C-alpha atoms as a PDB file:
ATOM      1  CA  MET A   1     -19.792  28.452 -17.746  1.00  0.00           C
ATOM      2  CA  ASP A   2     -20.985  25.306 -15.987  1.00  0.00           C
ATOM      3  CA  THR A   3     -20.572  22.284 -18.277  1.00  0.00           C
ATOM      4  CA  THR A   4     -22.335  19.881 -15.923  1.00  0.00           C
ATOM      5  CA  VAL A   5     -25.848  19.036 -16.950  1.00  0.00           C
ATOM      6  CA  THR A   6     -28.009  16.790 -14.805  1.00  0.00           C
ATOM      7  CA  THR A   7     -31.518  15.872 -15.807  1.00  0.00           C
ATOM      8  CA  GLY A   8     -33.628  13.337 -14.010  1.00  0.00           C
ATOM      9  CA  ASN A   9     -31.576  10.289 -13.028  1.00  0.00           C
ATOM     10  CA  GLU A  10     -28.681  10.951 -15.416  1.00  0.00           C
ATOM     11  CA  GLU A  11     -25.224  10.534 -13.911  1.00  0.00           C
ATOM     12  CA  ASN A  12     -23.023  13.589 -13.284  1.00  0.00           C
ATOM     13  CA  VAL A  13     -20.391  12.735 -15.906  1.00  0.00           C
ATOM     14  CA  TRP A  14     -18.106  15.761 -15.585  1.00  0.00           C
ATOM     15  CA  GLY A  15     -18.406  16.356 -11.878  1.00  0.00           C
ATOM     16  CA  GLY A  16     -15.895  13.659 -10.856  1.00  0.00           C
ATOM     17  CA  ASP A  17     -16.239  10.919  -8.256  1.00  0.00           C
ATOM     18  CA  ASN A  18     -17.608   8.463 -10.804  1.00  0.00           C
ATOM     19  CA  LYS A  19     -16.284   4.917 -11.426  1.00  0.00           C
ATOM     20  CA  PRO A  20     -15.524   4.000 -15.050  1.00  0.00           C
ATOM     21  CA  LEU A  21     -16.789   0.497 -15.808  1.00  0.00           C
ATOM     22  CA  GLY A  22     -17.807   0.206 -12.191  1.00  0.00           C
ATOM     23  CA  ALA A  23     -14.164  -0.122 -11.064  1.00  0.00           C
ATOM     24  CA  SER A  24     -12.726   1.738  -8.111  1.00  0.00           C
ATOM     25  CA  TYR A  25      -9.687   3.975  -8.432  1.00  0.00           C
ATOM     26  CA  GLY A  26      -7.410   1.306  -6.954  1.00  0.00           C
ATOM     27  CA  LYS A  27      -8.578  -1.421  -9.317  1.00  0.00           C
ATOM     28  CA  LEU A  28      -8.302   0.942 -12.279  1.00  0.00           C
ATOM     29  CA  MET A  29      -4.698   1.774 -11.372  1.00  0.00           C
ATOM     30  CA  MET A  30      -3.913  -1.917 -11.031  1.00  0.00           C
ATOM     31  CA  TRP A  31      -5.264  -2.497 -14.543  1.00  0.00           C
ATOM     32  CA  PHE A  32      -3.098   0.355 -15.852  1.00  0.00           C
ATOM     33  CA  PHE A  33      -0.043  -1.263 -14.254  1.00  0.00           C
ATOM     34  CA  ILE A  34      -0.924  -4.697 -15.667  1.00  0.00           C
ATOM     35  CA  VAL A  35      -1.317  -3.318 -19.194  1.00  0.00           C
ATOM     36  CA  SER A  36       2.015  -1.471 -19.049  1.00  0.00           C
ATOM     37  CA  ASP A  37       3.767  -4.521 -17.598  1.00  0.00           C
ATOM     38  CA  ALA A  38       2.210  -6.726 -20.268  1.00  0.00           C
ATOM     39  CA  LEU A  39       3.729  -4.478 -22.932  1.00  0.00           C
ATOM     40  CA  THR A  40       7.127  -4.817 -21.239  1.00  0.00           C
ATOM     41  CA  PHE A  41       6.968  -8.613 -21.220  1.00  0.00           C
ATOM     42  CA  SER A  42       5.705  -8.569 -24.804  1.00  0.00           C
ATOM     43  CA  GLY A  43       8.813  -6.634 -25.852  1.00  0.00           C
ATOM     44  CA  PHE A  44      11.096  -9.099 -24.064  1.00  0.00           C
ATOM     45  CA  LEU A  45       9.429 -12.146 -25.586  1.00  0.00           C
ATOM     46  CA  ALA A  46       9.395 -10.558 -29.037  1.00  0.00           C
ATOM     47  CA  SER A  47      13.138  -9.957 -28.739  1.00  0.00           C
ATOM     48  CA  TYR A  48      13.621 -13.558 -27.678  1.00  0.00           C
ATOM     49  CA  GLY A  49      11.572 -14.805 -30.633  1.00  0.00           C
ATOM     50  CA  PHE A  50      13.531 -12.644 -33.092  1.00  0.00           C
ATOM     51  CA  SER A  51      16.888 -13.836 -31.737  1.00  0.00           C
ATOM     52  CA  ARG A  52      15.823 -17.457 -31.794  1.00  0.00           C
ATOM     53  CA  PHE A  53      14.612 -17.163 -35.367  1.00  0.00           C
ATOM     54  CA  LYS A  54      17.890 -15.555 -36.406  1.00  0.00           C
ATOM     55  CA  PHE A  55      20.028 -18.224 -34.705  1.00  0.00           C
ATOM     56  CA  ILE A  56      17.612 -21.128 -35.073  1.00  0.00           C
ATOM     57  CA  GLU A  57      20.346 -23.522 -36.265  1.00  0.00           C
ATOM     58  CA  THR A  58      22.383 -23.180 -33.064  1.00  0.00           C
ATOM     59  CA  TRP A  59      19.616 -22.628 -30.510  1.00  0.00           C
ATOM     60  CA  PRO A  60      19.672 -25.119 -27.597  1.00  0.00           C
ATOM     61  CA  ILE A  61      16.994 -27.817 -27.478  1.00  0.00           C
ATOM     62  CA  ALA A  62      14.937 -27.353 -24.314  1.00  0.00           C
ATOM     63  CA  ASP A  63      14.407 -31.094 -23.823  1.00  0.00           C
ATOM     64  CA  GLU A  64      18.180 -31.496 -23.543  1.00  0.00           C
ATOM     65  CA  VAL A  65      18.702 -28.565 -21.193  1.00  0.00           C
ATOM     66  CA  PHE A  66      15.949 -28.826 -18.574  1.00  0.00           C
ATOM     67  CA  THR A  67      16.162 -32.484 -17.646  1.00  0.00           C
ATOM     68  CA  HIS A  68      16.732 -32.376 -13.889  1.00  0.00           C
ATOM     69  CA  VAL A  69      14.469 -33.215 -10.974  1.00  0.00           C
ATOM     70  CA  PRO A  70      15.525 -32.519  -7.354  1.00  0.00           C
ATOM     71  CA  PHE A  71      16.753 -35.591  -5.434  1.00  0.00           C
ATOM     72  CA  PHE A  72      16.566 -37.788  -8.547  1.00  0.00           C
ATOM     73  CA  HIS A  73      19.316 -38.679 -10.995  1.00  0.00           C
ATOM     74  CA  GLY A  74      18.451 -39.300 -14.606  1.00  0.00           C
ATOM     75  CA  ASN A  75      17.001 -37.708 -17.685  1.00  0.00           C
ATOM     76  CA  TYR A  76      13.520 -36.267 -17.081  1.00  0.00           C
ATOM     77  CA  PRO A  77      12.889 -33.674 -19.823  1.00  0.00           C
ATOM     78  CA  MET A  78      10.512 -30.908 -18.783  1.00  0.00           C
ATOM     79  CA  ILE A  79       9.075 -32.871 -15.833  1.00  0.00           C
ATOM     80  CA  TYR A  80      10.046 -30.413 -13.120  1.00  0.00           C
ATOM     81  CA  VAL A  81       9.205 -27.367 -15.236  1.00  0.00           C
ATOM     82  CA  ALA A  82       5.738 -28.840 -15.779  1.00  0.00           C
ATOM     83  CA  PHE A  83       5.434 -29.316 -12.005  1.00  0.00           C
ATOM     84  CA  MET A  84       6.375 -25.677 -11.406  1.00  0.00           C
ATOM     85  CA  THR A  85       3.785 -24.552 -13.938  1.00  0.00           C
ATOM     86  CA  PHE A  86       1.099 -26.706 -12.322  1.00  0.00           C
ATOM     87  CA  ILE A  87       1.860 -25.273  -8.873  1.00  0.00           C
ATOM     88  CA  LEU A  88       1.649 -21.688 -10.135  1.00  0.00           C
ATOM     89  CA  ILE A  89      -1.649 -22.313 -11.945  1.00  0.00           C
ATOM     90  CA  MET A  90      -3.118 -23.952  -8.843  1.00  0.00           C
ATOM     91  CA  SER A  91      -2.066 -20.936  -6.784  1.00  0.00           C
ATOM     92  CA  SER A  92      -4.120 -18.834  -9.196  1.00  0.00           C
ATOM     93  CA  VAL A  93      -7.109 -21.096  -8.472  1.00  0.00           C
ATOM     94  CA  THR A  94      -6.718 -20.619  -4.720  1.00  0.00           C
ATOM     95  CA  MET A  95      -6.492 -16.867  -5.285  1.00  0.00           C
ATOM     96  CA  VAL A  96      -9.824 -16.975  -7.154  1.00  0.00           C
ATOM     97  CA  LEU A  97     -11.346 -18.810  -4.201  1.00  0.00           C
ATOM     98  CA  ALA A  98      -9.897 -16.222  -1.798  1.00  0.00           C
ATOM     99  CA  VAL A  99     -11.442 -13.366  -3.791  1.00  0.00           C
ATOM    100  CA  ASP A 100     -14.790 -15.175  -3.900  1.00  0.00           C
ATOM    101  CA  ALA A 101     -14.682 -15.774  -0.154  1.00  0.00           C
ATOM    102  CA  GLY A 102     -13.907 -12.084   0.337  1.00  0.00           C
ATOM    103  CA  HIS A 103     -17.011 -11.108  -1.634  1.00  0.00           C
ATOM    104  CA  LYS A 104     -19.013 -13.307   0.738  1.00  0.00           C
ATOM    105  CA  MET A 105     -17.232 -11.781   3.768  1.00  0.00           C
ATOM    106  CA  LYS A 106     -15.906 -15.155   4.914  1.00  0.00           C
ATOM    107  CA  GLN A 107     -12.760 -14.205   6.776  1.00  0.00           C
ATOM    108  CA  ASN A 108     -11.576 -17.705   7.700  1.00  0.00           C
ATOM    109  CA  ALA A 109     -11.955 -18.934   4.125  1.00  0.00           C
ATOM    110  CA  VAL A 110      -9.956 -15.955   2.824  1.00  0.00           C
ATOM    111  CA  ILE A 111      -7.184 -16.729   5.330  1.00  0.00           C
ATOM    112  CA  TRP A 112      -7.027 -20.360   4.262  1.00  0.00           C
ATOM    113  CA  TYR A 113      -6.976 -19.716   0.516  1.00  0.00           C
ATOM    114  CA  MET A 114      -4.484 -16.850   0.825  1.00  0.00           C
ATOM    115  CA  PHE A 115      -2.215 -19.155   2.812  1.00  0.00           C
ATOM    116  CA  LEU A 116      -2.355 -21.791   0.051  1.00  0.00           C
ATOM    117  CA  THR A 117      -1.623 -19.117  -2.553  1.00  0.00           C
ATOM    118  CA  ILE A 118       1.450 -17.967  -0.627  1.00  0.00           C
ATOM    119  CA  ILE A 119       2.708 -21.543  -0.278  1.00  0.00           C
ATOM    120  CA  GLY A 120       2.275 -22.129  -4.016  1.00  0.00           C
ATOM    121  CA  GLY A 121       4.139 -18.931  -4.881  1.00  0.00           C
ATOM    122  CA  ALA A 122       6.967 -19.761  -2.460  1.00  0.00           C
ATOM    123  CA  ILE A 123       7.348 -23.237  -3.985  1.00  0.00           C
ATOM    124  CA  PHE A 124       7.535 -21.736  -7.458  1.00  0.00           C
ATOM    125  CA  VAL A 125      10.157 -19.145  -6.487  1.00  0.00           C
ATOM    126  CA  GLY A 126      12.230 -21.782  -4.693  1.00  0.00           C
ATOM    127  CA  SER A 127      11.944 -24.119  -7.688  1.00  0.00           C
ATOM    128  CA  GLN A 128      13.042 -21.378 -10.057  1.00  0.00           C
ATOM    129  CA  ALA A 129      16.056 -20.633  -7.847  1.00  0.00           C
ATOM    130  CA  TRP A 130      16.975 -24.322  -7.909  1.00  0.00           C
ATOM    131  CA  GLU A 131      16.559 -24.406 -11.687  1.00  0.00           C
ATOM    132  CA  TRP A 132      18.844 -21.387 -12.030  1.00  0.00           C
ATOM    133  CA  ALA A 133      21.494 -23.044  -9.841  1.00  0.00           C
ATOM    134  CA  THR A 134      21.313 -26.239 -11.901  1.00  0.00           C
ATOM    135  CA  PHE A 135      21.481 -24.309 -15.165  1.00  0.00           C
ATOM    136  CA  ILE A 136      24.503 -22.319 -13.965  1.00  0.00           C
ATOM    137  CA  LYS A 137      26.328 -25.369 -12.633  1.00  0.00           C
ATOM    138  CA  GLY A 138      25.824 -27.466 -15.746  1.00  0.00           C
ATOM    139  CA  ASP A 139      25.894 -31.206 -16.019  1.00  0.00           C
ATOM    140  CA  TYR A 140      28.133 -32.481 -18.813  1.00  0.00           C
ATOM    141  CA  GLY A 141      30.450 -29.648 -19.757  1.00  0.00           C
ATOM    142  CA  ALA A 142      31.666 -28.789 -23.239  1.00  0.00           C
ATOM    143  CA  LEU A 143      34.474 -27.125 -25.157  1.00  0.00           C
ATOM    144  CA  GLU A 144      34.355 -23.710 -26.766  1.00  0.00           C
ATOM    145  CA  THR A 145      36.089 -22.985 -30.080  1.00  0.00           C
ATOM    146  CA  LYS A 146      37.864 -19.850 -31.241  1.00  0.00           C
ATOM    147  CA  GLY A 147      34.672 -18.660 -32.918  1.00  0.00           C
ATOM    148  CA  GLY A 148      32.591 -19.145 -29.783  1.00  0.00           C
ATOM    149  CA  ARG A 149      30.978 -22.388 -30.941  1.00  0.00           C
ATOM    150  CA  VAL A 150      30.242 -25.160 -28.463  1.00  0.00           C
ATOM    151  CA  LEU A 151      31.434 -28.746 -28.855  1.00  0.00           C
ATOM    152  CA  GLN A 152      29.539 -31.336 -26.829  1.00  0.00           C
ATOM    153  CA  PHE A 153      30.460 -34.984 -26.300  1.00  0.00           C
ATOM    154  CA  VAL A 154      28.350 -38.116 -26.749  1.00  0.00           C
ATOM    155  CA  LYS A 155      28.888 -41.851 -26.399  1.00  0.00           C
ATOM    156  CA  ALA A 156      29.188 -43.502 -29.796  1.00  0.00           C
ATOM    157  CA  ASP A 157      27.503 -46.750 -28.743  1.00  0.00           C
ATOM    158  CA  THR A 158      24.415 -45.257 -27.046  1.00  0.00           C
ATOM    159  CA  GLY A 159      24.202 -41.695 -28.382  1.00  0.00           C
ATOM    160  CA  GLU A 160      23.881 -40.342 -24.829  1.00  0.00           C
ATOM    161  CA  ARG A 161      25.660 -37.223 -23.626  1.00  0.00           C
ATOM    162  CA  ALA A 162      29.052 -37.829 -22.060  1.00  0.00           C
ATOM    163  CA  ALA A 163      30.345 -35.670 -19.230  1.00  0.00           C
ATOM    164  CA  ILE A 164      33.851 -34.354 -19.826  1.00  0.00           C
ATOM    165  CA  THR A 165      34.876 -35.515 -16.361  1.00  0.00           C
ATOM    166  CA  SER A 166      33.984 -39.123 -17.279  1.00  0.00           C
ATOM    167  CA  PHE A 167      36.710 -39.492 -19.911  1.00  0.00           C
ATOM    168  CA  ALA A 168      39.193 -36.672 -19.234  1.00  0.00           C
ATOM    169  CA  ALA A 169      42.743 -37.812 -18.563  1.00  0.00           C
ATOM    170  CA  THR A 170      44.705 -36.875 -15.459  1.00  0.00           C
ATOM    171  CA  LEU A 171      47.795 -34.867 -16.343  1.00  0.00           C
ATOM    172  CA  ALA A 172      50.541 -33.489 -14.135  1.00  0.00           C
ATOM    173  CA  GLU A 173      49.731 -29.844 -14.816  1.00  0.00           C
ATOM    174  CA  ASP A 174      50.419 -26.812 -12.674  1.00  0.00           C
ATOM    175  CA  ARG A 175      46.823 -25.677 -12.157  1.00  0.00           C
ATOM    176  CA  ALA A 176      46.071 -23.107  -9.467  1.00  0.00           C
ATOM    177  CA  GLN A 177      42.793 -21.668  -8.297  1.00  0.00           C
ATOM    178  CA  ASP A 178      42.016 -18.041  -9.046  1.00  0.00           C
ATOM    179  CA  THR A 179      42.214 -16.684  -5.489  1.00  0.00           C
ATOM    180  CA  ARG A 180      43.916 -13.781  -3.766  1.00  0.00           C
ATOM    181  CA  ASP A 181      45.771 -15.823  -1.152  1.00  0.00           C
ATOM    182  CA  LYS A 182      47.625 -17.859  -3.798  1.00  0.00           C
ATOM    183  CA  GLY A 183      48.564 -14.771  -5.777  1.00  0.00           C
ATOM    184  CA  VAL A 184      47.566 -16.284  -9.111  1.00  0.00           C
ATOM    185  CA  TRP A 185      45.283 -14.367 -11.449  1.00  0.00           C
ATOM    186  CA  TYR A 186      43.599 -15.565 -14.619  1.00  0.00           C
ATOM    187  CA  THR A 187      42.350 -13.183 -17.262  1.00  0.00           C
ATOM    188  CA  ASP A 188      40.599 -15.696 -19.523  1.00  0.00           C
ATOM    189  CA  GLU A 189      38.348 -17.377 -16.953  1.00  0.00           C
ATOM    190  CA  ALA A 190      36.746 -16.277 -13.703  1.00  0.00           C
ATOM    191  CA  THR A 191      37.059 -19.679 -12.003  1.00  0.00           C
ATOM    192  CA  LEU A 192      39.063 -22.775 -12.748  1.00  0.00           C
ATOM    193  CA  PRO A 193      37.094 -25.562 -14.503  1.00  0.00           C
ATOM    194  CA  THR A 194      37.010 -29.080 -13.092  1.00  0.00           C
ATOM    195  CA  VAL A 195      39.400 -30.350 -15.777  1.00  0.00           C
ATOM    196  CA  SER A 196      41.767 -28.573 -18.115  1.00  0.00           C
ATOM    197  CA  LEU A 197      41.501 -28.350 -21.883  1.00  0.00           C
ATOM    198  CA  ASN A 198      44.540 -30.598 -22.342  1.00  0.00           C
ATOM    199  CA  GLU A 199      43.050 -33.227 -20.036  1.00  0.00           C
ATOM    200  CA  VAL A 200      39.837 -33.289 -22.081  1.00  0.00           C
ATOM    201  CA  ILE A 201      41.729 -33.534 -25.386  1.00  0.00           C
ATOM    202  CA  GLU A 202      44.038 -36.319 -24.199  1.00  0.00           C
ATOM    203  CA  GLY A 203      41.139 -38.221 -22.663  1.00  0.00           C
ATOM    204  CA  PHE A 204      39.175 -37.910 -25.890  1.00  0.00           C
ATOM    205  CA  LYS A 205      42.065 -39.223 -27.994  1.00  0.00           C
ATOM    206  CA  SER A 206      42.450 -42.274 -25.771  1.00  0.00           C
ATOM    207  CA  ASN A 207      38.722 -43.075 -25.716  1.00  0.00           C
ATOM    208  CA  PRO A 208      37.428 -44.136 -29.161  1.00  0.00           C
ATOM    209  CA  ASN A 209      33.847 -44.450 -27.864  1.00  0.00           C
ATOM    210  CA  ILE A 210      33.479 -40.666 -27.513  1.00  0.00           C
ATOM    211  CA  LEU A 211      32.342 -38.463 -30.391  1.00  0.00           C
ATOM    212  CA  ILE A 212      31.732 -34.731 -30.764  1.00  0.00           C
ATOM    213  CA  ARG A 213      28.475 -33.117 -31.748  1.00  0.00           C
ATOM    214  CA  THR A 214      28.191 -29.472 -32.671  1.00  0.00           C
ATOM    215  CA  GLU A 215      25.484 -27.027 -31.680  1.00  0.00           C
ATOM    216  CA  THR A 216      24.199 -26.866 -35.265  1.00  0.00           C
ATOM    217  CA  ILE A 217      20.735 -28.441 -35.521  1.00  0.00           C
ATOM    218  CA  THR A 218      19.922 -30.599 -38.544  1.00  0.00           C
ATOM    219  CA  GLU A 219      16.655 -30.690 -40.484  1.00  0.00           C
ATOM    220  CA  GLU A 220      15.589 -33.622 -38.302  1.00  0.00           C
ATOM    221  CA  GLY A 221      15.776 -31.376 -35.238  1.00  0.00           C
ATOM    222  CA  GLU A 222      18.905 -32.995 -33.809  1.00  0.00           C
ATOM    223  CA  LYS A 223      22.382 -31.629 -33.283  1.00  0.00           C
ATOM    224  CA  THR A 224      25.055 -32.538 -35.841  1.00  0.00           C
ATOM    225  CA  LEU A 225      27.055 -35.606 -34.816  1.00  0.00           C
ATOM    226  CA  LEU A 226      30.612 -35.866 -36.163  1.00  0.00           C
ATOM    227  CA  ASN A 227      32.462 -39.082 -36.867  1.00  0.00           C
ATOM    228  CA  ARG A 228      35.714 -39.913 -35.135  1.00  0.00           C
ATOM    229  CA  GLU A 229      37.953 -38.314 -37.738  1.00  0.00           C
ATOM    230  CA  GLN A 230      35.866 -35.144 -37.899  1.00  0.00           C
ATOM    231  CA  SER A 231      35.780 -34.986 -34.104  1.00  0.00           C
ATOM    232  CA  LEU A 232      39.573 -35.133 -33.850  1.00  0.00           C
ATOM    233  CA  GLY A 233      39.794 -32.343 -36.404  1.00  0.00           C
ATOM    234  CA  ARG A 234      37.408 -30.074 -34.499  1.00  0.00           C
ATOM    235  CA  LEU A 235      39.391 -30.479 -31.289  1.00  0.00           C
ATOM    236  CA  LYS A 236      42.110 -28.319 -32.814  1.00  0.00           C
ATOM    237  CA  ASP A 237      39.753 -25.317 -32.684  1.00  0.00           C
ATOM    238  CA  ALA A 238      38.961 -25.704 -28.969  1.00  0.00           C
ATOM    239  CA  VAL A 239      40.305 -22.980 -26.692  1.00  0.00           C
ATOM    240  CA  ARG A 240      38.618 -23.529 -23.304  1.00  0.00           C
ATOM    241  CA  VAL A 241      36.463 -25.778 -21.159  1.00  0.00           C
ATOM    242  CA  VAL A 242      32.919 -24.544 -20.483  1.00  0.00           C
ATOM    243  CA  GLU A 243      30.877 -25.851 -17.565  1.00  0.00           C
ATOM    244  CA  GLY A 244      27.315 -24.626 -17.107  1.00  0.00           C
ATOM    245  CA  ALA A 245      26.058 -21.269 -18.296  1.00  0.00           C
ATOM    246  CA  ASN A 246      26.469 -17.608 -17.446  1.00  0.00           C
ATOM    247  CA  LEU A 247      26.117 -14.287 -19.231  1.00  0.00           C
ATOM    248  CA  VAL A 248      29.339 -14.861 -21.179  1.00  0.00           C
ATOM    249  CA  ARG A 249      29.467 -18.585 -21.999  1.00  0.00           C
ATOM    250  CA  ASN A 250      26.940 -21.369 -22.326  1.00  0.00           C
ATOM    251  CA  GLU A 251      27.678 -25.100 -22.553  1.00  0.00           C
ATOM    252  CA  TYR A 252      24.208 -25.767 -23.981  1.00  0.00           C
ATOM    253  CA  GLY A 253      24.641 -23.740 -27.169  1.00  0.00           C
ATOM    254  CA  SER A 254      24.027 -20.128 -28.175  1.00  0.00           C
ATOM    255  CA  ARG A 255      25.099 -17.563 -25.595  1.00  0.00           C
ATOM    256  CA  LEU A 256      21.970 -15.518 -26.260  1.00  0.00           C
ATOM    257  CA  PHE A 257      19.828 -18.361 -24.927  1.00  0.00           C
ATOM    258  CA  ALA A 258      21.413 -18.048 -21.492  1.00  0.00           C
ATOM    259  CA  ASP A 259      21.176 -14.250 -21.570  1.00  0.00           C
ATOM    260  CA  PHE A 260      17.470 -14.312 -22.368  1.00  0.00           C
ATOM    261  CA  PHE A 261      16.837 -17.139 -19.910  1.00  0.00           C
ATOM    262  CA  PHE A 262      18.398 -15.290 -16.996  1.00  0.00           C
ATOM    263  CA  PHE A 263      16.808 -11.959 -17.890  1.00  0.00           C
ATOM    264  CA  ILE A 264      13.243 -12.994 -18.720  1.00  0.00           C
ATOM    265  CA  THR A 265      12.789 -15.763 -16.155  1.00  0.00           C
ATOM    266  CA  GLY A 266      14.565 -13.593 -13.590  1.00  0.00           C
ATOM    267  CA  PHE A 267      12.282 -10.653 -14.329  1.00  0.00           C
ATOM    268  CA  HIS A 268       9.244 -12.901 -14.011  1.00  0.00           C
ATOM    269  CA  GLY A 269      10.655 -14.480 -10.858  1.00  0.00           C
ATOM    270  CA  PHE A 270      11.011 -11.011  -9.357  1.00  0.00           C
ATOM    271  CA  HIS A 271       7.320 -10.433 -10.086  1.00  0.00           C
ATOM    272  CA  VAL A 272       6.369 -13.693  -8.395  1.00  0.00           C
ATOM    273  CA  PHE A 273       8.562 -12.932  -5.384  1.00  0.00           C
ATOM    274  CA  SER A 274       7.013  -9.464  -5.103  1.00  0.00           C
ATOM    275  CA  GLY A 275       3.568 -11.038  -5.358  1.00  0.00           C
ATOM    276  CA  VAL A 276       4.386 -13.455  -2.533  1.00  0.00           C
ATOM    277  CA  VAL A 277       5.545 -10.573  -0.316  1.00  0.00           C
ATOM    278  CA  ILE A 278       2.401  -8.559  -1.080  1.00  0.00           C
ATOM    279  CA  ASN A 279       0.223 -11.612  -0.455  1.00  0.00           C
ATOM    280  CA  ILE A 280       1.874 -12.101   2.939  1.00  0.00           C
ATOM    281  CA  ILE A 281       1.085  -8.503   3.882  1.00  0.00           C
ATOM    282  CA  ILE A 282      -2.536  -8.887   2.770  1.00  0.00           C
ATOM    283  CA  PHE A 283      -2.705 -12.259   4.550  1.00  0.00           C
ATOM    284  CA  PHE A 284      -1.818 -10.712   7.919  1.00  0.00           C
ATOM    285  CA  ASN A 285      -4.215  -7.833   7.315  1.00  0.00           C
ATOM    286  CA  VAL A 286      -6.963 -10.387   6.791  1.00  0.00           C
ATOM    287  CA  ILE A 287      -6.021 -12.120  10.043  1.00  0.00           C
ATOM    288  CA  LEU A 288      -6.089  -8.790  11.894  1.00  0.00           C
ATOM    289  CA  GLY A 289      -9.585  -8.113  10.552  1.00  0.00           C
ATOM    290  CA  THR A 290      -8.611  -4.969   8.630  1.00  0.00           C
ATOM    291  CA  TYR A 291     -10.920  -5.684   5.730  1.00  0.00           C
ATOM    292  CA  GLU A 292     -13.743  -6.881   7.968  1.00  0.00           C
ATOM    293  CA  ARG A 293     -13.763  -3.441   9.555  1.00  0.00           C
ATOM    294  CA  ARG A 294     -13.709  -1.798   6.135  1.00  0.00           C
ATOM    295  CA  GLY A 295     -16.679  -3.863   5.106  1.00  0.00           C
ATOM    296  CA  HIS A 296     -15.077  -5.204   1.903  1.00  0.00           C
ATOM    297  CA  TYR A 297     -12.107  -7.255   0.645  1.00  0.00           C
ATOM    298  CA  GLU A 298     -11.273  -5.176  -2.397  1.00  0.00           C
ATOM    299  CA  MET A 299      -7.563  -5.243  -1.561  1.00  0.00           C
ATOM    300  CA  VAL A 300      -7.599  -9.030  -1.901  1.00  0.00           C
ATOM    301  CA  GLU A 301      -9.230  -8.634  -5.304  1.00  0.00           C
ATOM    302  CA  LYS A 302      -6.621  -6.118  -6.447  1.00  0.00           C
ATOM    303  CA  VAL A 303      -3.676  -8.282  -5.451  1.00  0.00           C
ATOM    304  CA  GLY A 304      -5.522 -11.164  -7.082  1.00  0.00           C
ATOM    305  CA  LEU A 305      -5.488  -9.305 -10.402  1.00  0.00           C
ATOM    306  CA  TYR A 306      -1.722  -8.955 -10.122  1.00  0.00           C
ATOM    307  CA  TRP A 307      -1.301 -12.628  -9.233  1.00  0.00           C
ATOM    308  CA  HIS A 308      -3.398 -13.794 -12.194  1.00  0.00           C
ATOM    309  CA  PHE A 309      -1.320 -11.588 -14.479  1.00  0.00           C
ATOM    310  CA  VAL A 310       1.906 -13.130 -13.187  1.00  0.00           C
ATOM    311  CA  ASP A 311       0.484 -16.603 -13.807  1.00  0.00           C
ATOM    312  CA  LEU A 312      -0.618 -15.689 -17.323  1.00  0.00           C
ATOM    313  CA  VAL A 313       2.814 -14.275 -18.178  1.00  0.00           C
ATOM    314  CA  TRP A 314       4.434 -17.525 -17.054  1.00  0.00           C
ATOM    315  CA  VAL A 315       2.238 -19.438 -19.507  1.00  0.00           C
ATOM    316  CA  PHE A 316       3.803 -17.414 -22.327  1.00  0.00           C
ATOM    317  CA  VAL A 317       7.330 -17.695 -20.882  1.00  0.00           C
ATOM    318  CA  PHE A 318       6.853 -21.437 -20.461  1.00  0.00           C
ATOM    319  CA  THR A 319       5.657 -21.743 -24.055  1.00  0.00           C
ATOM    320  CA  PHE A 320       8.483 -19.681 -25.550  1.00  0.00           C
ATOM    321  CA  PHE A 321      11.364 -21.194 -23.592  1.00  0.00           C
ATOM    322  CA  TYR A 322      10.320 -24.773 -22.971  1.00  0.00           C
ATOM    323  CA  LEU A 323       7.743 -25.863 -25.544  1.00  0.00           C
ATOM    324  CA  VAL A 324       8.345 -24.104 -28.860  1.00  0.00           C
END
């Protein structure tokens, strides 16, 4: 029995070859991918929010973690992250202009705006790689206790963070690097820290201007600062020196913060990198006149949808990790 009924100018609904909402098959599939990917990111961010709420008292303060700017020394909280965000948003603007130029069949304009979009994406990916390297390397160092808590050091007179290398004593210890050629293997640490635990403890005892602050955040939103006597007491619980962050230890505070940071920002960074690669392919196709011969620039519009999605996701990642 034929279920297709066509009367007058009515569309053939069940006969196929129709475009829901006026979207082509390719654009519809891109929307399906975006929705599924949005659900994935939503799950990741929800997990991050749950973990932060559960460990809110020991969660690192973003303004104290992301303070670096390339080629400049000093404390610049969130400045470079804000720059990265601005660059990515502006790349979304140039992508909009590229799509608009494609609708008007302006090949040269599409080439120019696609080029700017690629440059913006490359700057963001490079900046994120630099941020990762800085986060992994660390800046001040800390001590880890038997229970996995982090002890940071501050200057008593100014309240500023103190790097462990700035006050650590120099002891005549037999310290060897964990390498094959020297035949020395360590089971507790993958690489040897800049200073040993004993050097940090002895340097702390001989420097009365240094105090310890714990990772526990007070009601005022600041980490708990111990007096000199309390600081000397907490040193007894220290078991190792921690420099930077990885998937096991984190000098900034809760280990989960580093785990989520690497996973979520890395997953988003992979999306941006993939988008840059796809944009480069589309860019050369535009130069070769592929879409001029097709008579439309729909491929630019489809990759534009993906790029806008990546930008929108970063707004949420930026809010969760850096602002809230």
